[in-house]
Protein backbone atom coordinates (compact mmCIF):
# COMPACT_ATOMS: atom_id res chain seq x y z
CA MET A 1 108.54 84.35 97.48
CA ALA A 2 107.36 80.93 96.36
CA GLY A 3 103.82 82.24 96.19
CA TRP A 4 104.83 84.89 93.66
CA LEU A 5 105.48 82.42 90.85
CA SER A 6 103.14 80.45 88.66
CA GLY A 7 103.92 76.73 88.54
CA ARG A 8 104.12 76.27 84.74
CA ARG A 9 107.71 75.39 83.77
CA VAL A 10 109.41 75.80 80.39
CA PRO A 11 112.18 73.75 78.69
CA THR A 12 115.74 73.81 80.07
CA GLU A 13 117.90 76.71 78.93
CA ARG A 14 121.53 77.72 79.37
CA PRO A 15 121.84 81.53 79.36
CA ALA A 16 125.22 83.04 78.51
CA ALA A 17 124.78 85.87 81.05
CA PRO A 18 123.04 86.35 84.42
CA LEU A 19 119.27 86.83 84.23
CA ARG A 20 117.69 90.02 85.56
CA GLY A 21 114.78 89.94 87.96
CA TYR A 22 113.02 91.85 90.74
CA LYS A 23 112.09 90.91 94.30
CA LEU A 24 111.01 92.31 97.65
CA ALA A 25 113.16 92.06 100.77
CA HIS A 26 113.50 93.55 104.24
CA PRO A 27 116.58 95.78 104.68
CA MET A 28 118.87 94.67 107.51
CA VAL A 29 121.91 96.05 109.32
CA SER A 30 124.44 94.01 111.30
CA ALA A 31 124.56 94.35 115.08
CA ASP A 32 127.84 96.27 114.88
CA GLY A 33 126.45 98.59 112.21
CA GLY A 34 129.20 97.68 109.75
CA ARG A 35 127.30 95.68 107.12
CA GLY A 36 124.03 95.86 105.26
CA GLY A 37 121.94 92.98 104.00
CA PHE A 38 118.45 91.68 103.36
CA SER A 39 116.05 89.04 104.63
CA GLY A 40 113.23 87.37 102.74
CA VAL A 41 109.61 88.44 103.07
CA THR A 42 108.24 84.87 103.14
CA ILE A 43 110.49 81.83 102.72
CA GLY A 44 113.92 82.46 104.22
CA ARG A 45 112.89 85.46 106.29
CA ALA A 46 114.92 84.05 109.20
CA SER A 47 118.10 84.19 107.09
CA VAL A 48 120.08 87.24 106.02
CA TYR A 49 121.99 87.58 102.76
CA GLU A 50 124.29 90.31 101.51
CA ALA A 51 124.52 92.02 98.12
CA VAL A 52 126.30 89.01 96.60
CA ALA A 53 125.19 85.65 97.97
CA ASP A 54 124.67 81.93 97.30
CA ALA A 55 121.40 80.30 98.29
CA GLU A 56 121.33 77.81 101.17
CA CYS A 57 118.51 75.43 102.02
CA ALA A 58 116.50 76.96 104.87
CA GLN A 59 115.51 73.43 105.97
CA GLY A 60 119.16 72.41 106.45
CA GLY A 61 119.15 70.05 103.44
CA ARG A 62 122.49 69.10 101.87
CA HIS A 63 121.22 69.17 98.31
CA SER A 64 122.14 71.80 95.73
CA CYS A 65 119.87 74.83 95.56
CA PRO A 66 117.37 75.11 94.07
CA SER A 67 115.94 71.60 94.35
CA ARG A 68 112.69 70.63 92.62
CA TRP A 69 111.68 68.72 95.77
CA CYS A 70 112.31 71.60 98.16
CA ASP A 71 111.36 75.28 98.27
CA CYS A 72 114.99 76.40 98.74
CA GLY A 73 116.73 79.02 96.63
CA PHE A 74 116.32 82.71 95.88
CA TYR A 75 113.13 83.89 94.21
CA CYS A 76 112.41 86.78 91.87
CA VAL A 77 109.77 87.89 89.38
CA HIS A 78 110.50 88.89 85.79
CA THR A 79 109.25 92.48 85.70
CA LEU A 80 109.39 95.59 87.84
CA ASN A 81 105.62 96.06 87.63
CA GLU A 82 105.02 92.57 89.03
CA ALA A 83 107.28 93.35 91.99
CA ARG A 84 105.52 96.67 92.60
CA ALA A 85 102.17 94.89 92.57
CA LEU A 86 103.40 92.52 95.28
CA ALA A 87 104.55 95.49 97.35
CA CYS A 88 100.88 96.50 97.75
CA ASP A 89 100.41 93.58 100.17
CA PRO A 90 100.25 95.01 103.73
CA ASP A 91 102.60 92.25 104.94
CA TYR A 92 105.32 93.71 102.72
CA ARG A 93 104.71 97.31 103.74
CA TYR A 94 108.28 98.04 104.85
CA ALA A 95 110.05 95.90 102.25
CA VAL A 96 112.32 97.42 99.62
CA LEU A 97 112.42 96.45 95.94
CA LEU A 98 115.60 94.82 94.63
CA GLU A 99 116.79 94.42 91.07
CA VAL A 100 118.99 91.32 90.94
CA ALA A 101 121.25 89.45 88.54
CA ALA A 102 120.47 85.73 88.94
CA SER A 103 122.99 83.04 87.97
CA GLY A 104 123.93 79.42 88.63
CA ARG A 105 121.31 76.67 88.78
CA PHE A 106 117.80 77.98 88.24
CA ILE A 107 114.22 76.94 87.60
CA ARG A 108 112.13 79.21 85.42
CA TYR A 109 108.43 79.66 86.12
CA GLU A 110 105.80 81.62 84.23
CA LYS A 111 106.14 84.64 86.53
CA GLY A 112 109.75 84.41 87.66
CA LEU A 113 112.78 82.37 88.72
CA ARG A 114 114.06 80.27 91.59
CA TYR A 115 117.84 80.27 91.49
CA ALA A 116 121.14 79.57 93.25
CA ARG A 117 123.20 82.76 93.15
CA GLN A 118 122.39 86.44 93.03
CA ARG A 119 123.95 89.88 92.92
CA VAL A 120 121.85 92.85 93.99
CA VAL A 121 122.09 95.45 91.22
CA SER A 122 119.99 98.21 92.78
CA VAL A 123 117.65 98.92 95.69
CA ARG A 124 114.45 100.98 95.38
CA VAL A 125 112.72 102.49 98.41
CA GLY A 126 109.03 103.41 98.39
CA ARG A 127 106.91 105.57 100.66
CA CYS A 128 106.90 106.05 104.41
CA GLY A 129 103.85 104.76 106.26
CA CYS A 130 102.57 108.35 106.46
CA GLY A 131 102.54 108.64 102.68
CA ARG A 132 105.60 110.83 102.20
CA PRO A 133 108.64 109.58 100.25
CA ALA A 134 110.99 107.60 102.51
CA ARG A 135 114.47 109.12 102.80
CA VAL A 136 116.11 107.34 105.75
CA PHE A 137 116.16 103.95 107.43
CA VAL A 138 115.42 103.44 111.13
CA GLN A 139 115.75 100.34 113.25
CA THR A 140 112.61 98.35 114.08
CA GLU A 141 111.92 95.90 116.88
CA ALA A 142 112.26 92.95 114.49
CA GLY A 143 115.47 91.13 113.61
CA THR A 144 117.42 87.90 113.83
CA VAL A 145 120.65 86.82 115.51
CA GLY A 146 123.32 89.38 114.64
CA TRP A 147 121.04 91.52 112.48
CA ARG A 148 118.41 94.22 113.01
CA ARG A 149 115.60 94.94 110.56
CA LEU A 150 115.27 98.43 109.16
CA ALA A 151 112.27 100.36 107.90
CA ALA A 152 112.38 103.19 105.38
CA VAL A 153 110.60 106.31 106.64
CA CYS A 154 110.47 110.05 105.97
CA PRO A 155 112.66 112.39 108.09
CA SER A 156 109.63 113.61 110.08
CA CYS A 157 108.60 110.12 111.15
CA ALA A 158 112.22 109.19 111.87
CA ALA A 159 112.60 111.89 114.56
CA PRO A 160 113.85 111.77 117.24
CA ARG A 161 115.59 108.54 116.20
CA THR A 162 118.88 108.70 114.34
CA GLY A 163 118.22 107.70 110.76
CA LEU A 164 120.52 105.86 108.37
CA SER A 165 120.60 107.67 105.02
CA LEU A 166 119.97 105.82 101.76
CA ALA A 167 123.52 106.65 100.66
CA ARG A 168 125.01 105.25 103.87
CA PHE A 169 123.02 102.04 103.54
CA ALA A 170 124.38 101.69 99.99
CA GLU A 171 127.90 101.95 101.42
CA LEU A 172 127.14 99.20 103.96
CA LEU A 173 125.92 96.99 101.11
CA GLY A 174 129.20 97.50 99.30
CA GLY A 175 128.08 98.84 95.97
CA PRO A 176 124.48 98.71 94.71
CA PRO A 177 122.78 102.15 94.69
CA VAL A 178 119.85 102.77 97.02
CA THR A 179 117.34 105.29 95.65
CA SER A 180 113.71 106.34 95.97
CA ASP A 181 111.38 104.52 93.60
CA GLU A 182 110.29 107.81 92.02
CA VAL A 183 108.44 106.19 89.11
CA GLY A 184 106.50 103.98 91.49
CA LEU A 185 105.70 106.96 93.72
CA ALA A 186 104.38 108.92 90.74
CA GLU A 187 102.15 106.02 89.73
CA ILE A 188 100.81 105.73 93.28
CA ALA A 189 100.05 109.46 93.33
CA ALA A 190 98.22 109.20 90.00
CA ALA A 191 96.21 106.26 91.30
CA GLY A 192 95.31 108.28 94.39
CA SER A 193 94.07 111.16 92.24
CA ALA A 194 91.91 108.79 90.20
CA ALA A 195 90.51 107.26 93.37
CA SER A 196 89.51 110.68 94.71
CA ALA A 197 87.29 111.15 91.64
CA GLY A 198 85.10 108.27 92.73
CA PRO A 199 85.11 104.66 93.93
CA PRO A 200 86.29 102.01 91.42
CA ALA A 201 83.78 99.65 89.88
CA ASP A 202 83.31 96.23 91.46
CA SER A 203 84.68 94.56 88.33
CA ALA A 204 87.95 96.51 88.68
CA LEU A 205 88.33 95.41 92.28
CA ASP A 206 87.70 91.80 91.29
CA GLU A 207 90.41 92.07 88.64
CA VAL A 208 92.94 93.39 91.16
CA ASP A 209 92.16 90.56 93.57
CA ARG A 210 92.51 87.99 90.80
CA GLU A 211 95.88 89.37 89.70
CA ALA A 212 97.19 89.13 93.26
CA LEU A 213 95.74 85.77 94.25
CA VAL A 214 95.90 83.55 91.17
CA PRO A 215 99.73 83.43 90.86
CA LEU A 216 100.01 82.85 94.61
CA LEU A 217 97.58 79.94 94.67
CA ALA A 218 98.92 78.42 91.44
CA ALA A 219 102.47 78.36 92.80
CA GLU A 220 101.39 76.76 96.07
CA VAL A 221 99.40 74.07 94.24
CA ALA A 222 102.33 73.32 91.91
CA LEU A 223 104.73 72.94 94.82
CA LEU A 224 102.36 70.68 96.75
CA GLN A 225 101.72 68.55 93.67
CA ALA A 226 105.46 68.07 93.09
CA ARG A 227 105.96 66.95 96.68
CA LEU A 228 102.97 64.59 96.51
CA ASP A 229 104.32 63.03 93.31
CA ASP A 230 107.68 62.43 94.97
CA VAL A 231 106.07 60.89 98.07
CA GLN A 232 103.95 58.63 95.84
CA ARG A 233 107.03 57.34 94.01
CA GLN A 234 108.84 56.63 97.27
CA LEU A 235 105.77 54.85 98.64
CA GLU A 236 105.54 52.66 95.56
CA ARG A 237 109.21 51.68 95.86
CA LEU A 238 108.81 50.80 99.53
CA THR A 239 105.66 48.72 99.04
CA GLN A 240 106.73 46.99 95.82
CA ARG A 241 107.01 43.24 96.36
CA PRO A 242 109.93 41.22 94.90
């Protein structure tokens, strides 16, 4: 999720309570079917975390997460609408939307946080690929060692496969509720009705593209610049003559 955050940082703060945020993730189930979890949609997609988890460096670094010189740590955005906007990306088509409580070490960005510890507060499920509300999870061909990736689909598209209900997946997670994102579905339906009245103006399309791409590119540039600055300092130390 590094690309979801703008690179402008703000002064250090010490919150008295966990910070709330929103993120996208792929639902996962353990190979024995006894536990539920999630994997990242970009950075960390090869790792699986459960409803309560501490971040680990995906590169195998021994530093504390998150590090300013690494892209490790959990990521989230500040608002539900920002997370829903990201869910429009086709690459995140089968991701679910998590509300999380972030704590421990963290770095605040303009659009969100990168942090060390999280607790999943709730899980929201969107639409099936056919357009109907998703009501069950089915296994996909994707996964990682010990875990299988799930996709949320409607009962019709699930057949003849045995589906895992939203309530059962909540039990496997150990607490956070798993529900349909009804508000998001209503907004999508309203947008579809507006679209049927006629094609949007070119300026509106340009605005949507800008909203999606600018935070992504800004975050990538900020991360690259930080790494280049660090490399430059190390190079100067190595080449400095006595």
